[in-house]
Every structure is written in structure tokens, then in C-alpha cells.
PDB file of N, CA and C in Angstrom:
ATOM      1  N   MET A   1     -11.194  32.422 -50.970  1.00  0.00           N
ATOM      2  CA  MET A   1     -10.700  32.181 -49.634  1.00  0.00           C
ATOM      3  C   MET A   1     -10.070  30.792 -49.622  1.00  0.00           C
ATOM      4  N   LYS A   2      -8.928  30.699 -48.981  1.00  0.00           N
ATOM      5  CA  LYS A   2      -8.239  29.419 -48.855  1.00  0.00           C
ATOM      6  C   LYS A   2      -8.271  28.983 -47.401  1.00  0.00           C
ATOM      7  N   VAL A   3      -8.761  27.809 -47.164  1.00  0.00           N
ATOM      8  CA  VAL A   3      -8.819  27.265 -45.818  1.00  0.00           C
ATOM      9  C   VAL A   3      -7.585  26.400 -45.591  1.00  0.00           C
ATOM     10  N   PRO A   4      -6.862  26.601 -44.484  1.00  0.00           N
ATOM     11  CA  PRO A   4      -5.719  25.720 -44.227  1.00  0.00           C
ATOM     12  C   PRO A   4      -6.188  24.294 -43.942  1.00  0.00           C
ATOM     13  N   PHE A   5      -5.405  23.349 -44.410  1.00  0.00           N
ATOM     14  CA  PHE A   5      -5.747  21.941 -44.207  1.00  0.00           C
ATOM     15  C   PHE A   5      -5.132  21.383 -42.940  1.00  0.00           C
ATOM     16  N   GLY A   6      -4.329  22.155 -42.300  1.00  0.00           N
ATOM     17  CA  GLY A   6      -3.694  21.753 -41.050  1.00  0.00           C
ATOM     18  C   GLY A   6      -3.178  22.977 -40.340  1.00  0.00           C
ATOM     19  N   PRO A   7      -2.627  22.808 -39.160  1.00  0.00           N
ATOM     20  CA  PRO A   7      -2.123  23.971 -38.422  1.00  0.00           C
ATOM     21  C   PRO A   7      -0.897  24.560 -39.117  1.00  0.00           C
ATOM     22  N   PHE A   8      -0.684  25.843 -38.903  1.00  0.00           N
ATOM     23  CA  PHE A   8       0.508  26.478 -39.444  1.00  0.00           C
ATOM     24  C   PHE A   8       1.731  25.898 -38.750  1.00  0.00           C
ATOM     25  N   ALA A   9       2.784  25.685 -39.523  1.00  0.00           N
ATOM     26  CA  ALA A   9       4.006  25.109 -38.969  1.00  0.00           C
ATOM     27  C   ALA A   9       4.772  26.121 -38.121  1.00  0.00           C
ATOM     28  N   ALA A  10       4.640  27.403 -38.465  1.00  0.00           N
ATOM     29  CA  ALA A  10       5.359  28.448 -37.736  1.00  0.00           C
ATOM     30  C   ALA A  10       4.607  29.765 -37.875  1.00  0.00           C
ATOM     31  N   SER A  11       4.936  30.705 -37.007  1.00  0.00           N
ATOM     32  CA  SER A  11       4.271  32.008 -37.065  1.00  0.00           C
ATOM     33  C   SER A  11       4.670  32.789 -38.312  1.00  0.00           C
ATOM     34  N   SER A  12       5.784  32.414 -38.938  1.00  0.00           N
ATOM     35  CA  SER A  12       6.208  33.127 -40.145  1.00  0.00           C
ATOM     36  C   SER A  12       5.182  32.977 -41.266  1.00  0.00           C
ATOM     37  N   ALA A  13       4.449  31.876 -41.294  1.00  0.00           N
ATOM     38  CA  ALA A  13       3.413  31.698 -42.314  1.00  0.00           C
ATOM     39  C   ALA A  13       2.324  32.754 -42.142  1.00  0.00           C
ATOM     40  N   ILE A  14       1.955  33.032 -40.908  1.00  0.00           N
ATOM     41  CA  ILE A  14       0.949  34.055 -40.626  1.00  0.00           C
ATOM     42  C   ILE A  14       1.493  35.426 -41.000  1.00  0.00           C
ATOM     43  N   ARG A  15       2.752  35.669 -40.684  1.00  0.00           N
ATOM     44  CA  ARG A  15       3.384  36.954 -41.013  1.00  0.00           C
ATOM     45  C   ARG A  15       3.354  37.199 -42.512  1.00  0.00           C
ATOM     46  N   HIS A  16       3.658  36.179 -43.287  1.00  0.00           N
ATOM     47  CA  HIS A  16       3.656  36.334 -44.749  1.00  0.00           C
ATOM     48  C   HIS A  16       2.253  36.612 -45.279  1.00  0.00           C
ATOM     49  N   ILE A  17       1.253  35.971 -44.728  1.00  0.00           N
ATOM     50  CA  ILE A  17      -0.132  36.201 -45.157  1.00  0.00           C
ATOM     51  C   ILE A  17      -0.551  37.636 -44.832  1.00  0.00           C
ATOM     52  N   ILE A  18      -0.250  38.071 -43.620  1.00  0.00           N
ATOM     53  CA  ILE A  18      -0.616  39.430 -43.208  1.00  0.00           C
ATOM     54  C   ILE A  18       0.116  40.456 -44.064  1.00  0.00           C
ATOM     55  N   ALA A  19       1.410  40.262 -44.286  1.00  0.00           N
ATOM     56  CA  ALA A  19       2.197  41.204 -45.094  1.00  0.00           C
ATOM     57  C   ALA A  19       1.668  41.270 -46.524  1.00  0.00           C
ATOM     58  N   LYS A  20       1.296  40.142 -47.093  1.00  0.00           N
ATOM     59  CA  LYS A  20       0.769  40.115 -48.459  1.00  0.00           C
ATOM     60  C   LYS A  20      -0.513  40.933 -48.568  1.00  0.00           C
ATOM     61  N   HIS A  21      -1.422  40.734 -47.632  1.00  0.00           N
ATOM     62  CA  HIS A  21      -2.692  41.456 -47.669  1.00  0.00           C
ATOM     63  C   HIS A  21      -2.516  42.930 -47.316  1.00  0.00           C
ATOM     64  N   ALA A  22      -1.582  43.235 -46.429  1.00  0.00           N
ATOM     65  CA  ALA A  22      -1.310  44.631 -46.082  1.00  0.00           C
ATOM     66  C   ALA A  22      -0.762  45.376 -47.295  1.00  0.00           C
ATOM     67  N   ARG A  23       0.162  44.757 -48.022  1.00  0.00           N
ATOM     68  CA  ARG A  23       0.697  45.380 -49.237  1.00  0.00           C
ATOM     69  C   ARG A  23      -0.405  45.615 -50.263  1.00  0.00           C
ATOM     70  N   ALA A  24      -1.329  44.650 -50.372  1.00  0.00           N
ATOM     71  CA  ALA A  24      -2.406  44.753 -51.361  1.00  0.00           C
ATOM     72  C   ALA A  24      -3.309  45.958 -51.107  1.00  0.00           C
ATOM     73  N   VAL A  25      -3.436  46.381 -49.853  1.00  0.00           N
ATOM     74  CA  VAL A  25      -4.292  47.532 -49.535  1.00  0.00           C
ATOM     75  C   VAL A  25      -3.481  48.788 -49.224  1.00  0.00           C
ATOM     76  N   GLY A  26      -2.169  48.721 -49.446  1.00  0.00           N
ATOM     77  CA  GLY A  26      -1.334  49.902 -49.287  1.00  0.00           C
ATOM     78  C   GLY A  26      -0.840  50.186 -47.888  1.00  0.00           C
ATOM     79  N   ILE A  27      -0.862  49.194 -47.017  1.00  0.00           N
ATOM     80  CA  ILE A  27      -0.359  49.369 -45.647  1.00  0.00           C
ATOM     81  C   ILE A  27       1.088  48.889 -45.611  1.00  0.00           C
ATOM     82  N   SER A  28       1.952  49.738 -45.068  1.00  0.00           N
ATOM     83  CA  SER A  28       3.339  49.320 -44.916  1.00  0.00           C
ATOM     84  C   SER A  28       3.742  49.530 -43.463  1.00  0.00           C
ATOM     85  N   GLY A  29       4.688  48.771 -43.030  1.00  0.00           N
ATOM     86  CA  GLY A  29       5.153  48.902 -41.658  1.00  0.00           C
ATOM     87  C   GLY A  29       6.363  48.029 -41.424  1.00  0.00           C
ATOM     88  N   THR A  30       7.131  48.404 -40.429  1.00  0.00           N
ATOM     89  CA  THR A  30       8.313  47.625 -40.084  1.00  0.00           C
ATOM     90  C   THR A  30       7.924  46.269 -39.524  1.00  0.00           C
ATOM     91  N   PHE A  31       6.881  46.262 -38.694  1.00  0.00           N
ATOM     92  CA  PHE A  31       6.451  45.032 -38.048  1.00  0.00           C
ATOM     93  C   PHE A  31       5.025  44.705 -38.472  1.00  0.00           C
ATOM     94  N   LEU A  32       4.873  43.735 -39.313  1.00  0.00           N
ATOM     95  CA  LEU A  32       3.548  43.258 -39.708  1.00  0.00           C
ATOM     96  C   LEU A  32       3.522  41.758 -39.462  1.00  0.00           C
ATOM     97  N   GLY A  33       2.720  41.335 -38.522  1.00  0.00           N
ATOM     98  CA  GLY A  33       2.643  39.910 -38.218  1.00  0.00           C
ATOM     99  C   GLY A  33       1.602  39.642 -37.162  1.00  0.00           C
ATOM    100  N   SER A  34       1.582  38.421 -36.693  1.00  0.00           N
ATOM    101  CA  SER A  34       0.567  38.012 -35.730  1.00  0.00           C
ATOM    102  C   SER A  34       0.691  38.780 -34.416  1.00  0.00           C
ATOM    103  N   HIS A  35       1.907  39.152 -34.042  1.00  0.00           N
ATOM    104  CA  HIS A  35       2.097  39.872 -32.790  1.00  0.00           C
ATOM    105  C   HIS A  35       1.472  41.266 -32.871  1.00  0.00           C
ATOM    106  N   VAL A  36       1.533  41.873 -34.048  1.00  0.00           N
ATOM    107  CA  VAL A  36       0.915  43.187 -34.242  1.00  0.00           C
ATOM    108  C   VAL A  36      -0.602  43.068 -34.088  1.00  0.00           C
ATOM    109  N   LEU A  37      -1.180  41.998 -34.618  1.00  0.00           N
ATOM    110  CA  LEU A  37      -2.616  41.790 -34.467  1.00  0.00           C
ATOM    111  C   LEU A  37      -2.981  41.601 -32.995  1.00  0.00           C
ATOM    112  N   ARG A  38      -2.164  40.858 -32.293  1.00  0.00           N
ATOM    113  CA  ARG A  38      -2.394  40.614 -30.864  1.00  0.00           C
ATOM    114  C   ARG A  38      -2.323  41.923 -30.081  1.00  0.00           C
ATOM    115  N   HIS A  39      -1.306  42.721 -30.365  1.00  0.00           N
ATOM    116  CA  HIS A  39      -1.114  44.010 -29.710  1.00  0.00           C
ATOM    117  C   HIS A  39      -2.281  44.947 -30.024  1.00  0.00           C
ATOM    118  N   SER A  40      -2.672  45.018 -31.290  1.00  0.00           N
ATOM    119  CA  SER A  40      -3.768  45.896 -31.710  1.00  0.00           C
ATOM    120  C   SER A  40      -5.077  45.492 -31.049  1.00  0.00           C
ATOM    121  N   HIS A  41      -5.317  44.196 -30.977  1.00  0.00           N
ATOM    122  CA  HIS A  41      -6.540  43.705 -30.339  1.00  0.00           C
ATOM    123  C   HIS A  41      -6.571  44.097 -28.863  1.00  0.00           C
ATOM    124  N   ALA A  42      -5.474  43.899 -28.163  1.00  0.00           N
ATOM    125  CA  ALA A  42      -5.404  44.240 -26.744  1.00  0.00           C
ATOM    126  C   ALA A  42      -5.627  45.739 -26.546  1.00  0.00           C
ATOM    127  N   ALA A  43      -4.970  46.554 -27.365  1.00  0.00           N
ATOM    128  CA  ALA A  43      -5.108  48.000 -27.245  1.00  0.00           C
ATOM    129  C   ALA A  43      -6.544  48.442 -27.514  1.00  0.00           C
ATOM    130  N   ARG A  44      -7.169  47.859 -28.519  1.00  0.00           N
ATOM    131  CA  ARG A  44      -8.550  48.221 -28.856  1.00  0.00           C
ATOM    132  C   ARG A  44      -9.508  47.830 -27.731  1.00  0.00           C
ATOM    133  N   GLN A  45      -9.303  46.664 -27.149  1.00  0.00           N
ATOM    134  CA  GLN A  45     -10.167  46.232 -26.052  1.00  0.00           C
ATOM    135  C   GLN A  45     -10.042  47.170 -24.856  1.00  0.00           C
ATOM    136  N   ILE A  46      -8.822  47.610 -24.557  1.00  0.00           N
ATOM    137  CA  ILE A  46      -8.619  48.559 -23.460  1.00  0.00           C
ATOM    138  C   ILE A  46      -9.298  49.879 -23.795  1.00  0.00           C
ATOM    139  N   ASP A  47      -9.151  50.354 -25.054  1.00  0.00           N
ATOM    140  CA  ASP A  47      -9.816  51.595 -25.484  1.00  0.00           C
ATOM    141  C   ASP A  47     -11.333  51.499 -25.319  1.00  0.00           C
ATOM    142  N   LEU A  48     -11.888  50.321 -25.544  1.00  0.00           N
ATOM    143  CA  LEU A  48     -13.340  50.134 -25.437  1.00  0.00           C
ATOM    144  C   LEU A  48     -13.814  49.978 -23.996  1.00  0.00           C
ATOM    145  N   GLY A  49     -12.857  49.920 -23.065  1.00  0.00           N
ATOM    146  CA  GLY A  49     -13.221  49.841 -21.662  1.00  0.00           C
ATOM    147  C   GLY A  49     -13.240  48.442 -21.083  1.00  0.00           C
ATOM    148  N   THR A  50     -12.743  47.469 -21.818  1.00  0.00           N
ATOM    149  CA  THR A  50     -12.670  46.107 -21.288  1.00  0.00           C
ATOM    150  C   THR A  50     -11.684  46.087 -20.122  1.00  0.00           C
ATOM    151  N   PRO A  51     -12.068  45.506 -19.006  1.00  0.00           N
ATOM    152  CA  PRO A  51     -11.148  45.468 -17.865  1.00  0.00           C
ATOM    153  C   PRO A  51      -9.839  44.760 -18.231  1.00  0.00           C
ATOM    154  N   PRO A  52      -8.711  45.319 -17.798  1.00  0.00           N
ATOM    155  CA  PRO A  52      -7.410  44.715 -18.124  1.00  0.00           C
ATOM    156  C   PRO A  52      -7.319  43.234 -17.756  1.00  0.00           C
ATOM    157  N   ARG A  53      -7.943  42.831 -16.657  1.00  0.00           N
ATOM    158  CA  ARG A  53      -7.885  41.421 -16.247  1.00  0.00           C
ATOM    159  C   ARG A  53      -8.533  40.528 -17.308  1.00  0.00           C
ATOM    160  N   VAL A  54      -9.643  40.986 -17.905  1.00  0.00           N
ATOM    161  CA  VAL A  54     -10.330  40.211 -18.942  1.00  0.00           C
ATOM    162  C   VAL A  54      -9.447  40.109 -20.184  1.00  0.00           C
ATOM    163  N   VAL A  55      -8.847  41.232 -20.586  1.00  0.00           N
ATOM    164  CA  VAL A  55      -7.967  41.221 -21.755  1.00  0.00           C
ATOM    165  C   VAL A  55      -6.788  40.288 -21.504  1.00  0.00           C
ATOM    166  N   SER A  56      -6.241  40.345 -20.315  1.00  0.00           N
ATOM    167  CA  SER A  56      -5.123  39.475 -19.955  1.00  0.00           C
ATOM    168  C   SER A  56      -5.510  37.999 -20.062  1.00  0.00           C
ATOM    169  N   GLU A  57      -6.705  37.669 -19.604  1.00  0.00           N
ATOM    170  CA  GLU A  57      -7.172  36.281 -19.700  1.00  0.00           C
ATOM    171  C   GLU A  57      -7.390  35.871 -21.159  1.00  0.00           C
ATOM    172  N   LEU A  58      -7.937  36.783 -21.976  1.00  0.00           N
ATOM    173  CA  LEU A  58      -8.137  36.480 -23.396  1.00  0.00           C
ATOM    174  C   LEU A  58      -6.814  36.187 -24.101  1.00  0.00           C
ATOM    175  N   LEU A  59      -5.772  36.912 -23.694  1.00  0.00           N
ATOM    176  CA  LEU A  59      -4.459  36.720 -24.303  1.00  0.00           C
ATOM    177  C   LEU A  59      -3.709  35.527 -23.720  1.00  0.00           C
ATOM    178  N   GLY A  60      -4.253  34.941 -22.666  1.00  0.00           N
ATOM    179  CA  GLY A  60      -3.632  33.754 -22.078  1.00  0.00           C
ATOM    180  C   GLY A  60      -2.475  34.033 -21.152  1.00  0.00           C
ATOM    181  N   HIS A  61      -2.449  35.218 -20.545  1.00  0.00           N
ATOM    182  CA  HIS A  61      -1.373  35.549 -19.626  1.00  0.00           C
ATOM    183  C   HIS A  61      -1.602  34.914 -18.266  1.00  0.00           C
ATOM    184  N   ARG A  62      -0.537  34.469 -17.659  1.00  0.00           N
ATOM    185  CA  ARG A  62      -0.616  33.964 -16.286  1.00  0.00           C
ATOM    186  C   ARG A  62      -0.643  35.126 -15.307  1.00  0.00           C
ATOM    187  N   ASP A  63       0.118  36.166 -15.651  1.00  0.00           N
ATOM    188  CA  ASP A  63       0.230  37.337 -14.786  1.00  0.00           C
ATOM    189  C   ASP A  63      -0.446  38.523 -15.466  1.00  0.00           C
ATOM    190  N   PRO A  64      -1.495  39.092 -14.853  1.00  0.00           N
ATOM    191  CA  PRO A  64      -2.179  40.234 -15.462  1.00  0.00           C
ATOM    192  C   PRO A  64      -1.258  41.425 -15.732  1.00  0.00           C
ATOM    193  N   GLU A  65      -0.165  41.538 -15.006  1.00  0.00           N
ATOM    194  CA  GLU A  65       0.775  42.640 -15.217  1.00  0.00           C
ATOM    195  C   GLU A  65       1.482  42.545 -16.570  1.00  0.00           C
ATOM    196  N   SER A  66       1.541  41.362 -17.149  1.00  0.00           N
ATOM    197  CA  SER A  66       2.226  41.218 -18.437  1.00  0.00           C
ATOM    198  C   SER A  66       1.460  41.875 -19.569  1.00  0.00           C
ATOM    199  N   LEU A  67       0.236  42.285 -19.325  1.00  0.00           N
ATOM    200  CA  LEU A  67      -0.566  42.977 -20.336  1.00  0.00           C
ATOM    201  C   LEU A  67       0.095  44.279 -20.774  1.00  0.00           C
ATOM    202  N   SER A  68       0.844  44.895 -19.894  1.00  0.00           N
ATOM    203  CA  SER A  68       1.479  46.175 -20.218  1.00  0.00           C
ATOM    204  C   SER A  68       2.432  46.066 -21.403  1.00  0.00           C
ATOM    205  N   ALA A  69       2.931  44.898 -21.696  1.00  0.00           N
ATOM    206  CA  ALA A  69       3.821  44.726 -22.840  1.00  0.00           C
ATOM    207  C   ALA A  69       3.077  44.864 -24.154  1.00  0.00           C
ATOM    208  N   TYR A  70       1.772  44.672 -24.164  1.00  0.00           N
ATOM    209  CA  TYR A  70       0.992  44.714 -25.388  1.00  0.00           C
ATOM    210  C   TYR A  70       0.197  45.991 -25.588  1.00  0.00           C
ATOM    211  N   VAL A  71      -0.150  46.637 -24.501  1.00  0.00           N
ATOM    212  CA  VAL A  71      -1.082  47.755 -24.591  1.00  0.00           C
ATOM    213  C   VAL A  71      -0.334  49.066 -24.808  1.00  0.00           C
ATOM    214  N   ARG A  72      -0.713  49.764 -25.867  1.00  0.00           N
ATOM    215  CA  ARG A  72      -0.130  51.073 -26.134  1.00  0.00           C
ATOM    216  C   ARG A  72      -0.820  52.095 -25.246  1.00  0.00           C
ATOM    217  N   ILE A  73      -0.327  53.299 -25.225  1.00  0.00           N
ATOM    218  CA  ILE A  73      -0.984  54.346 -24.451  1.00  0.00           C
ATOM    219  C   ILE A  73      -2.285  54.696 -25.151  1.00  0.00           C
ATOM    220  N   ALA A  74      -3.362  54.584 -24.452  1.00  0.00           N
ATOM    221  CA  ALA A  74      -4.684  54.869 -24.999  1.00  0.00           C
ATOM    222  C   ALA A  74      -4.940  56.369 -24.868  1.00  0.00           C
ATOM    223  N   THR A  75      -4.669  57.118 -25.924  1.00  0.00           N
ATOM    224  CA  THR A  75      -4.728  58.571 -25.885  1.00  0.00           C
ATOM    225  C   THR A  75      -6.106  59.085 -25.474  1.00  0.00           C
ATOM    226  N   GLU A  76      -7.146  58.531 -26.065  1.00  0.00           N
ATOM    227  CA  GLU A  76      -8.489  58.999 -25.731  1.00  0.00           C
ATOM    228  C   GLU A  76      -8.808  58.747 -24.261  1.00  0.00           C
ATOM    229  N   THR A  77      -8.433  57.605 -23.752  1.00  0.00           N
ATOM    230  CA  THR A  77      -8.680  57.289 -22.351  1.00  0.00           C
ATOM    231  C   THR A  77      -7.910  58.246 -21.452  1.00  0.00           C
ATOM    232  N   LEU A  78      -6.672  58.544 -21.820  1.00  0.00           N
ATOM    233  CA  LEU A  78      -5.872  59.473 -21.015  1.00  0.00           C
ATOM    234  C   LEU A  78      -6.485  60.870 -21.018  1.00  0.00           C
ATOM    235  N   ARG A  79      -7.049  61.278 -22.153  1.00  0.00           N
ATOM    236  CA  ARG A  79      -7.693  62.596 -22.207  1.00  0.00           C
ATOM    237  C   ARG A  79      -8.869  62.669 -21.238  1.00  0.00           C
ATOM    238  N   ASP A  80      -9.577  61.563 -21.105  1.00  0.00           N
ATOM    239  CA  ASP A  80     -10.737  61.539 -20.209  1.00  0.00           C
ATOM    240  C   ASP A  80     -10.355  61.705 -18.746  1.00  0.00           C
ATOM    241  N   VAL A  81      -9.174  61.237 -18.377  1.00  0.00           N
ATOM    242  CA  VAL A  81      -8.785  61.274 -16.959  1.00  0.00           C
ATOM    243  C   VAL A  81      -7.729  62.320 -16.656  1.00  0.00           C
ATOM    244  N   ALA A  82      -7.279  63.051 -17.678  1.00  0.00           N
ATOM    245  CA  ALA A  82      -6.214  64.050 -17.479  1.00  0.00           C
ATOM    246  C   ALA A  82      -6.710  65.240 -16.666  1.00  0.00           C
ATOM    247  N   LEU A  83      -5.821  65.763 -15.857  1.00  0.00           N
ATOM    248  CA  LEU A  83      -6.126  66.968 -15.095  1.00  0.00           C
ATOM    249  C   LEU A  83      -5.872  68.177 -15.987  1.00  0.00           C
ATOM    250  N   PRO A  84      -6.623  69.251 -15.800  1.00  0.00           N
ATOM    251  CA  PRO A  84      -6.386  70.446 -16.617  1.00  0.00           C
ATOM    252  C   PRO A  84      -5.029  71.065 -16.307  1.00  0.00           C
ATOM    253  N   VAL A  85      -4.412  71.628 -17.314  1.00  0.00           N
ATOM    254  CA  VAL A  85      -3.122  72.280 -17.161  1.00  0.00           C
ATOM    255  C   VAL A  85      -3.381  73.762 -16.863  1.00  0.00           C
ATOM    256  N   LEU A  86      -2.850  74.219 -15.767  1.00  0.00           N
ATOM    257  CA  LEU A  86      -3.023  75.617 -15.384  1.00  0.00           C
ATOM    258  C   LEU A  86      -1.834  76.417 -15.873  1.00  0.00           C
ATOM    259  N   ALA A  87      -2.105  77.509 -16.526  1.00  0.00           N
ATOM    260  CA  ALA A  87      -1.030  78.342 -17.075  1.00  0.00           C
ATOM    261  C   ALA A  87      -0.697  79.476 -16.146  1.00  0.00           C
TER     262      ALA A  87
END
């Protein structure tokens, strides 16, 4: 494990670290970087039932509505609240 001796100069350093480790375990993707981790964390917290306001505060948003930019559609949650389809 390598500990940084100072803050990262740019987010690209984090992107390169994430991409290197993702390649090592066979993960590929168009977008691999710190923003993907942020998005994944927000989506997972919503899936676990964390109130959106709490997730928004964790991400440092001023406006709780901006959370929608990070959160993907939570399929399992939608299944729980979906109405039955009548044929």
C-alpha cells in the first residue's frame, strides 16, 4: 500500500489509480474515476434506504434536488412500490 505524502494535485490522479486497479481485476468501462465512485456510493445509499436528504448532505450538496444527478434508478426499490400491471 502506498500512502500519499500530500493531497492529489488533480482528480486525474485518482482516475488513473482507479483505472489501474479496475484493469487488474478485469473491470472495464468508459467512465472510471472518482465521479463513478461518488455516483455508485449515492446510488447504494439510496438502495439501502438512506433518506435522500442525508445522502445529499454527505455529498456536500447545497440543494437536495441536485442528488438526482448522481442517483441511478433503483430497480429493486421501484419493484417494491410498483403497481401491478393488469392485462
